Amino acid sequence: MQLLILLGAAVSLAGIGGLIWCILLAVKARSTSANDDELRVRLQRVVVLNMGALGVSAIGLMMVVSGILLT
């Protein structure tokens, strides 16, 4: 079960890294977009990536909790 905890922590960290990446993409999109339509398209892409990163982080957290409960 230690392996499950370690893998879960790694997956959670990857998800958190994805969330940080989404923040950086959103800040970059706000600063470089020329008009509202371009900004909207870029932010819609960031929202999709954000939801994916949040899902990965949640799965990692579930792995950690499962590993702790099974220990």
PDB file of N, CA and C in Angstrom:
ATOM      1  N   MET A   1       0.802  -1.195   0.000  1.00  0.00           N
ATOM      2  CA  MET A   1       0.000   0.000   0.000  1.00  0.00           C
ATOM      3  C   MET A   1       0.851   1.268   0.000  1.00  0.00           C
ATOM      4  N   GLN A   2       2.084   1.127   0.417  1.00  0.00           N
ATOM      5  CA  GLN A   2       2.986   2.286   0.373  1.00  0.00           C
ATOM      6  C   GLN A   2       3.170   2.760  -1.063  1.00  0.00           C
ATOM      7  N   LEU A   3       3.226   1.809  -1.979  1.00  0.00           N
ATOM      8  CA  LEU A   3       3.384   2.169  -3.391  1.00  0.00           C
ATOM      9  C   LEU A   3       2.170   2.953  -3.892  1.00  0.00           C
ATOM     10  N   LEU A   4       0.980   2.540  -3.465  1.00  0.00           N
ATOM     11  CA  LEU A   4      -0.235   3.252  -3.861  1.00  0.00           C
ATOM     12  C   LEU A   4      -0.222   4.682  -3.326  1.00  0.00           C
ATOM     13  N   ILE A   5       0.253   4.863  -2.113  1.00  0.00           N
ATOM     14  CA  ILE A   5       0.335   6.207  -1.526  1.00  0.00           C
ATOM     15  C   ILE A   5       1.337   7.064  -2.296  1.00  0.00           C
ATOM     16  N   LEU A   6       2.485   6.484  -2.599  1.00  0.00           N
ATOM     17  CA  LEU A   6       3.499   7.243  -3.335  1.00  0.00           C
ATOM     18  C   LEU A   6       3.050   7.577  -4.751  1.00  0.00           C
ATOM     19  N   LEU A   7       2.420   6.622  -5.423  1.00  0.00           N
ATOM     20  CA  LEU A   7       1.921   6.894  -6.770  1.00  0.00           C
ATOM     21  C   LEU A   7       0.809   7.948  -6.731  1.00  0.00           C
ATOM     22  N   GLY A   8      -0.053   7.862  -5.731  1.00  0.00           N
ATOM     23  CA  GLY A   8      -1.113   8.846  -5.589  1.00  0.00           C
ATOM     24  C   GLY A   8      -0.560  10.245  -5.349  1.00  0.00           C
ATOM     25  N   ALA A   9       0.478  10.323  -4.529  1.00  0.00           N
ATOM     26  CA  ALA A   9       1.099  11.626  -4.284  1.00  0.00           C
ATOM     27  C   ALA A   9       1.713  12.182  -5.566  1.00  0.00           C
ATOM     28  N   ALA A  10       2.346  11.319  -6.341  1.00  0.00           N
ATOM     29  CA  ALA A  10       2.944  11.759  -7.600  1.00  0.00           C
ATOM     30  C   ALA A  10       1.870  12.228  -8.584  1.00  0.00           C
ATOM     31  N   VAL A  11       0.761  11.501  -8.654  1.00  0.00           N
ATOM     32  CA  VAL A  11      -0.327  11.887  -9.553  1.00  0.00           C
ATOM     33  C   VAL A  11      -0.939  13.211  -9.092  1.00  0.00           C
ATOM     34  N   SER A  12      -1.102  13.375  -7.780  1.00  0.00           N
ATOM     35  CA  SER A  12      -1.636  14.634  -7.251  1.00  0.00           C
ATOM     36  C   SER A  12      -0.712  15.802  -7.568  1.00  0.00           C
ATOM     37  N   LEU A  13       0.580  15.596  -7.424  1.00  0.00           N
ATOM     38  CA  LEU A  13       1.532  16.659  -7.748  1.00  0.00           C
ATOM     39  C   LEU A  13       1.505  16.999  -9.236  1.00  0.00           C
ATOM     40  N   ALA A  14       1.321  15.987 -10.065  1.00  0.00           N
ATOM     41  CA  ALA A  14       1.201  16.252 -11.500  1.00  0.00           C
ATOM     42  C   ALA A  14      -0.044  17.084 -11.780  1.00  0.00           C
ATOM     43  N   GLY A  15      -1.141  16.780 -11.098  1.00  0.00           N
ATOM     44  CA  GLY A  15      -2.362  17.562 -11.255  1.00  0.00           C
ATOM     45  C   GLY A  15      -2.190  18.993 -10.780  1.00  0.00           C
ATOM     46  N   ILE A  16      -1.498  19.173  -9.666  1.00  0.00           N
ATOM     47  CA  ILE A  16      -1.250  20.528  -9.154  1.00  0.00           C
ATOM     48  C   ILE A  16      -0.344  21.293 -10.122  1.00  0.00           C
ATOM     49  N   GLY A  17       0.630  20.596 -10.692  1.00  0.00           N
ATOM     50  CA  GLY A  17       1.467  21.226 -11.714  1.00  0.00           C
ATOM     51  C   GLY A  17       0.638  21.666 -12.918  1.00  0.00           C
ATOM     52  N   GLY A  18      -0.336  20.848 -13.296  1.00  0.00           N
ATOM     53  CA  GLY A  18      -1.235  21.217 -14.385  1.00  0.00           C
ATOM     54  C   GLY A  18      -2.077  22.429 -14.043  1.00  0.00           C
ATOM     55  N   LEU A  19      -2.509  22.526 -12.789  1.00  0.00           N
ATOM     56  CA  LEU A  19      -3.285  23.692 -12.365  1.00  0.00           C
ATOM     57  C   LEU A  19      -2.437  24.964 -12.413  1.00  0.00           C
ATOM     58  N   ILE A  20      -1.198  24.862 -11.989  1.00  0.00           N
ATOM     59  CA  ILE A  20      -0.299  26.020 -12.056  1.00  0.00           C
ATOM     60  C   ILE A  20      -0.057  26.422 -13.510  1.00  0.00           C
ATOM     61  N   TRP A  21       0.092  25.427 -14.364  1.00  0.00           N
ATOM     62  CA  TRP A  21       0.277  25.694 -15.796  1.00  0.00           C
ATOM     63  C   TRP A  21      -0.947  26.417 -16.368  1.00  0.00           C
ATOM     64  N   CYS A  22      -2.151  26.012 -15.940  1.00  0.00           N
ATOM     65  CA  CYS A  22      -3.370  26.678 -16.400  1.00  0.00           C
ATOM     66  C   CYS A  22      -3.413  28.132 -15.952  1.00  0.00           C
ATOM     67  N   ILE A  23      -2.976  28.379 -14.731  1.00  0.00           N
ATOM     68  CA  ILE A  23      -2.932  29.764 -14.248  1.00  0.00           C
ATOM     69  C   ILE A  23      -2.002  30.593 -15.120  1.00  0.00           C
ATOM     70  N   LEU A  24      -0.835  30.044 -15.429  1.00  0.00           N
ATOM     71  CA  LEU A  24       0.117  30.772 -16.261  1.00  0.00           C
ATOM     72  C   LEU A  24      -0.422  31.002 -17.666  1.00  0.00           C
ATOM     73  N   LEU A  25      -1.119  30.004 -18.223  1.00  0.00           N
ATOM     74  CA  LEU A  25      -1.718  30.173 -19.552  1.00  0.00           C
ATOM     75  C   LEU A  25      -2.800  31.255 -19.539  1.00  0.00           C
ATOM     76  N   ALA A  26      -3.598  31.306 -18.480  1.00  0.00           N
ATOM     77  CA  ALA A  26      -4.655  32.314 -18.395  1.00  0.00           C
ATOM     78  C   ALA A  26      -4.069  33.717 -18.268  1.00  0.00           C
ATOM     79  N   VAL A  27      -3.030  33.855 -17.467  1.00  0.00           N
ATOM     80  CA  VAL A  27      -2.393  35.171 -17.323  1.00  0.00           C
ATOM     81  C   VAL A  27      -1.782  35.609 -18.647  1.00  0.00           C
ATOM     82  N   LYS A  28      -1.148  34.672 -19.334  1.00  0.00           N
ATOM     83  CA  LYS A  28      -0.552  34.995 -20.631  1.00  0.00           C
ATOM     84  C   LYS A  28      -1.631  35.362 -21.650  1.00  0.00           C
ATOM     85  N   ALA A  29      -2.747  34.642 -21.624  1.00  0.00           N
ATOM     86  CA  ALA A  29      -3.823  34.923 -22.567  1.00  0.00           C
ATOM     87  C   ALA A  29      -4.415  36.303 -22.307  1.00  0.00           C
ATOM     88  N   ARG A  30      -4.559  36.666 -21.046  1.00  0.00           N
ATOM     89  CA  ARG A  30      -5.117  37.994 -20.734  1.00  0.00           C
ATOM     90  C   ARG A  30      -4.184  39.117 -21.173  1.00  0.00           C
ATOM     91  N   SER A  31      -2.886  38.865 -21.088  1.00  0.00           N
ATOM     92  CA  SER A  31      -1.954  39.943 -21.410  1.00  0.00           C
ATOM     93  C   SER A  31      -1.671  40.055 -22.913  1.00  0.00           C
ATOM     94  N   THR A  32      -1.871  38.986 -23.676  1.00  0.00           N
ATOM     95  CA  THR A  32      -1.512  39.030 -25.095  1.00  0.00           C
ATOM     96  C   THR A  32      -2.701  39.057 -26.043  1.00  0.00           C
ATOM     97  N   SER A  33      -3.913  38.881 -25.543  1.00  0.00           N
ATOM     98  CA  SER A  33      -5.076  38.847 -26.435  1.00  0.00           C
ATOM     99  C   SER A  33      -5.424  40.253 -26.901  1.00  0.00           C
ATOM    100  N   ALA A  34      -5.692  40.348 -28.198  1.00  0.00           N
ATOM    101  CA  ALA A  34      -5.974  41.656 -28.786  1.00  0.00           C
ATOM    102  C   ALA A  34      -7.431  42.060 -28.584  1.00  0.00           C
ATOM    103  N   ASN A  35      -8.347  41.104 -28.669  1.00  0.00           N
ATOM    104  CA  ASN A  35      -9.765  41.440 -28.533  1.00  0.00           C
ATOM    105  C   ASN A  35     -10.476  40.416 -27.658  1.00  0.00           C
ATOM    106  N   ASP A  36     -11.746  40.676 -27.395  1.00  0.00           N
ATOM    107  CA  ASP A  36     -12.510  39.822 -26.490  1.00  0.00           C
ATOM    108  C   ASP A  36     -12.752  38.426 -27.060  1.00  0.00           C
ATOM    109  N   ASP A  37     -12.968  38.337 -28.370  1.00  0.00           N
ATOM    110  CA  ASP A  37     -13.237  37.031 -28.972  1.00  0.00           C
ATOM    111  C   ASP A  37     -12.021  36.114 -28.878  1.00  0.00           C
ATOM    112  N   GLU A  38     -10.855  36.663 -29.148  1.00  0.00           N
ATOM    113  CA  GLU A  38      -9.619  35.875 -29.042  1.00  0.00           C
ATOM    114  C   GLU A  38      -9.384  35.436 -27.598  1.00  0.00           C
ATOM    115  N   LEU A  39      -9.634  36.327 -26.659  1.00  0.00           N
ATOM    116  CA  LEU A  39      -9.477  36.000 -25.246  1.00  0.00           C
ATOM    117  C   LEU A  39     -10.447  34.901 -24.837  1.00  0.00           C
ATOM    118  N   ARG A  40     -11.685  34.986 -25.311  1.00  0.00           N
ATOM    119  CA  ARG A  40     -12.691  33.978 -24.986  1.00  0.00           C
ATOM    120  C   ARG A  40     -12.274  32.600 -25.486  1.00  0.00           C
ATOM    121  N   VAL A  41     -11.767  32.525 -26.699  1.00  0.00           N
ATOM    122  CA  VAL A  41     -11.337  31.242 -27.270  1.00  0.00           C
ATOM    123  C   VAL A  41     -10.174  30.664 -26.467  1.00  0.00           C
ATOM    124  N   ARG A  42      -9.214  31.508 -26.117  1.00  0.00           N
ATOM    125  CA  ARG A  42      -8.063  31.028 -25.347  1.00  0.00           C
ATOM    126  C   ARG A  42      -8.470  30.559 -23.953  1.00  0.00           C
ATOM    127  N   LEU A  43      -9.343  31.318 -23.317  1.00  0.00           N
ATOM    128  CA  LEU A  43      -9.759  30.943 -21.964  1.00  0.00           C
ATOM    129  C   LEU A  43     -10.637  29.689 -21.965  1.00  0.00           C
ATOM    130  N   GLN A  44     -11.401  29.458 -23.025  1.00  0.00           N
ATOM    131  CA  GLN A  44     -12.166  28.213 -23.118  1.00  0.00           C
ATOM    132  C   GLN A  44     -11.240  27.010 -23.178  1.00  0.00           C
ATOM    133  N   ARG A  45     -10.135  27.138 -23.880  1.00  0.00           N
ATOM    134  CA  ARG A  45      -9.145  26.062 -23.934  1.00  0.00           C
ATOM    135  C   ARG A  45      -8.510  25.852 -22.557  1.00  0.00           C
ATOM    136  N   VAL A  46      -8.240  26.939 -21.864  1.00  0.00           N
ATOM    137  CA  VAL A  46      -7.646  26.840 -20.531  1.00  0.00           C
ATOM    138  C   VAL A  46      -8.612  26.176 -19.561  1.00  0.00           C
ATOM    139  N   VAL A  47      -9.909  26.450 -19.692  1.00  0.00           N
ATOM    140  CA  VAL A  47     -10.900  25.839 -18.809  1.00  0.00           C
ATOM    141  C   VAL A  47     -10.911  24.323 -18.987  1.00  0.00           C
ATOM    142  N   VAL A  48     -10.813  23.863 -20.226  1.00  0.00           N
ATOM    143  CA  VAL A  48     -10.780  22.418 -20.478  1.00  0.00           C
ATOM    144  C   VAL A  48      -9.536  21.795 -19.834  1.00  0.00           C
ATOM    145  N   LEU A  49      -8.394  22.424 -20.012  1.00  0.00           N
ATOM    146  CA  LEU A  49      -7.171  21.913 -19.399  1.00  0.00           C
ATOM    147  C   LEU A  49      -7.254  21.967 -17.877  1.00  0.00           C
ATOM    148  N   ASN A  50      -7.878  23.004 -17.348  1.00  0.00           N
ATOM    149  CA  ASN A  50      -8.028  23.157 -15.914  1.00  0.00           C
ATOM    150  C   ASN A  50      -8.875  22.023 -15.336  1.00  0.00           C
ATOM    151  N   MET A  51      -9.968  21.687 -15.996  1.00  0.00           N
ATOM    152  CA  MET A  51     -10.820  20.600 -15.511  1.00  0.00           C
ATOM    153  C   MET A  51     -10.087  19.259 -15.562  1.00  0.00           C
ATOM    154  N   GLY A  52      -9.294  19.049 -16.604  1.00  0.00           N
ATOM    155  CA  GLY A  52      -8.504  17.827 -16.686  1.00  0.00           C
ATOM    156  C   GLY A  52      -7.470  17.733 -15.575  1.00  0.00           C
ATOM    157  N   ALA A  53      -6.779  18.841 -15.321  1.00  0.00           N
ATOM    158  CA  ALA A  53      -5.777  18.848 -14.254  1.00  0.00           C
ATOM    159  C   ALA A  53      -6.422  18.644 -12.889  1.00  0.00           C
ATOM    160  N   LEU A  54      -7.593  19.233 -12.691  1.00  0.00           N
ATOM    161  CA  LEU A  54      -8.312  19.050 -11.439  1.00  0.00           C
ATOM    162  C   LEU A  54      -8.734  17.592 -11.267  1.00  0.00           C
ATOM    163  N   GLY A  55      -9.153  16.966 -12.348  1.00  0.00           N
ATOM    164  CA  GLY A  55      -9.518  15.552 -12.293  1.00  0.00           C
ATOM    165  C   GLY A  55      -8.337  14.663 -11.969  1.00  0.00           C
ATOM    166  N   VAL A  56      -7.201  14.942 -12.570  1.00  0.00           N
ATOM    167  CA  VAL A  56      -5.986  14.158 -12.288  1.00  0.00           C
ATOM    168  C   VAL A  56      -5.588  14.311 -10.830  1.00  0.00           C
ATOM    169  N   SER A  57      -5.668  15.520 -10.325  1.00  0.00           N
ATOM    170  CA  SER A  57      -5.324  15.767  -8.929  1.00  0.00           C
ATOM    171  C   SER A  57      -6.288  15.035  -7.996  1.00  0.00           C
ATOM    172  N   ALA A  58      -7.566  15.017  -8.328  1.00  0.00           N
ATOM    173  CA  ALA A  58      -8.551  14.320  -7.503  1.00  0.00           C
ATOM    174  C   ALA A  58      -8.318  12.813  -7.513  1.00  0.00           C
ATOM    175  N   ILE A  59      -7.970  12.275  -8.656  1.00  0.00           N
ATOM    176  CA  ILE A  59      -7.675  10.836  -8.732  1.00  0.00           C
ATOM    177  C   ILE A  59      -6.462  10.498  -7.876  1.00  0.00           C
ATOM    178  N   GLY A  60      -5.452  11.350  -7.916  1.00  0.00           N
ATOM    179  CA  GLY A  60      -4.280  11.130  -7.071  1.00  0.00           C
ATOM    180  C   GLY A  60      -4.625  11.171  -5.601  1.00  0.00           C
ATOM    181  N   LEU A  61      -5.475  12.108  -5.220  1.00  0.00           N
ATOM    182  CA  LEU A  61      -5.900  12.189  -3.823  1.00  0.00           C
ATOM    183  C   LEU A  61      -6.684  10.938  -3.417  1.00  0.00           C
ATOM    184  N   MET A  62      -7.525  10.444  -4.317  1.00  0.00           N
ATOM    185  CA  MET A  62      -8.257   9.206  -4.029  1.00  0.00           C
ATOM    186  C   MET A  62      -7.307   8.033  -3.849  1.00  0.00           C
ATOM    187  N   MET A  63      -6.262   7.995  -4.647  1.00  0.00           N
ATOM    188  CA  MET A  63      -5.265   6.927  -4.503  1.00  0.00           C
ATOM    189  C   MET A  63      -4.583   7.003  -3.150  1.00  0.00           C
ATOM    190  N   VAL A  64      -4.222   8.195  -2.708  1.00  0.00           N
ATOM    191  CA  VAL A  64      -3.574   8.372  -1.414  1.00  0.00           C
ATOM    192  C   VAL A  64      -4.503   7.932  -0.291  1.00  0.00           C
ATOM    193  N   VAL A  65      -5.747   8.378  -0.336  1.00  0.00           N
ATOM    194  CA  VAL A  65      -6.705   8.018   0.718  1.00  0.00           C
ATOM    195  C   VAL A  65      -6.951   6.507   0.723  1.00  0.00           C
ATOM    196  N   SER A  66      -7.064   5.902  -0.454  1.00  0.00           N
ATOM    197  CA  SER A  66      -7.254   4.455  -0.538  1.00  0.00           C
ATOM    198  C   SER A  66      -6.060   3.723   0.055  1.00  0.00           C
ATOM    199  N   GLY A  67      -4.868   4.190  -0.257  1.00  0.00           N
ATOM    200  CA  GLY A  67      -3.677   3.559   0.283  1.00  0.00           C
ATOM    201  C   GLY A  67      -3.601   3.674   1.789  1.00  0.00           C
ATOM    202  N   ILE A  68      -4.024   4.817   2.334  1.00  0.00           N
ATOM    203  CA  ILE A  68      -4.003   4.997   3.792  1.00  0.00           C
ATOM    204  C   ILE A  68      -5.054   4.106   4.448  1.00  0.00           C
ATOM    205  N   LEU A  69      -6.245   4.036   3.855  1.00  0.00           N
ATOM    206  CA  LEU A  69      -7.298   3.213   4.449  1.00  0.00           C
ATOM    207  C   LEU A  69      -6.983   1.723   4.394  1.00  0.00           C
ATOM    208  N   LEU A  70      -6.265   1.307   3.377  1.00  0.00           N
ATOM    209  CA  LEU A  70      -5.945  -0.116   3.229  1.00  0.00           C
ATOM    210  C   LEU A  70      -4.700  -0.528   4.003  1.00  0.00           C
ATOM    211  N   THR A  71      -4.007   0.433   4.582  1.00  0.00           N
ATOM    212  CA  THR A  71      -2.804   0.110   5.342  1.00  0.00           C
ATOM    213  C   THR A  71      -3.151  -0.349   6.729  1.00  0.00           C
TER     214      THR A  71
END
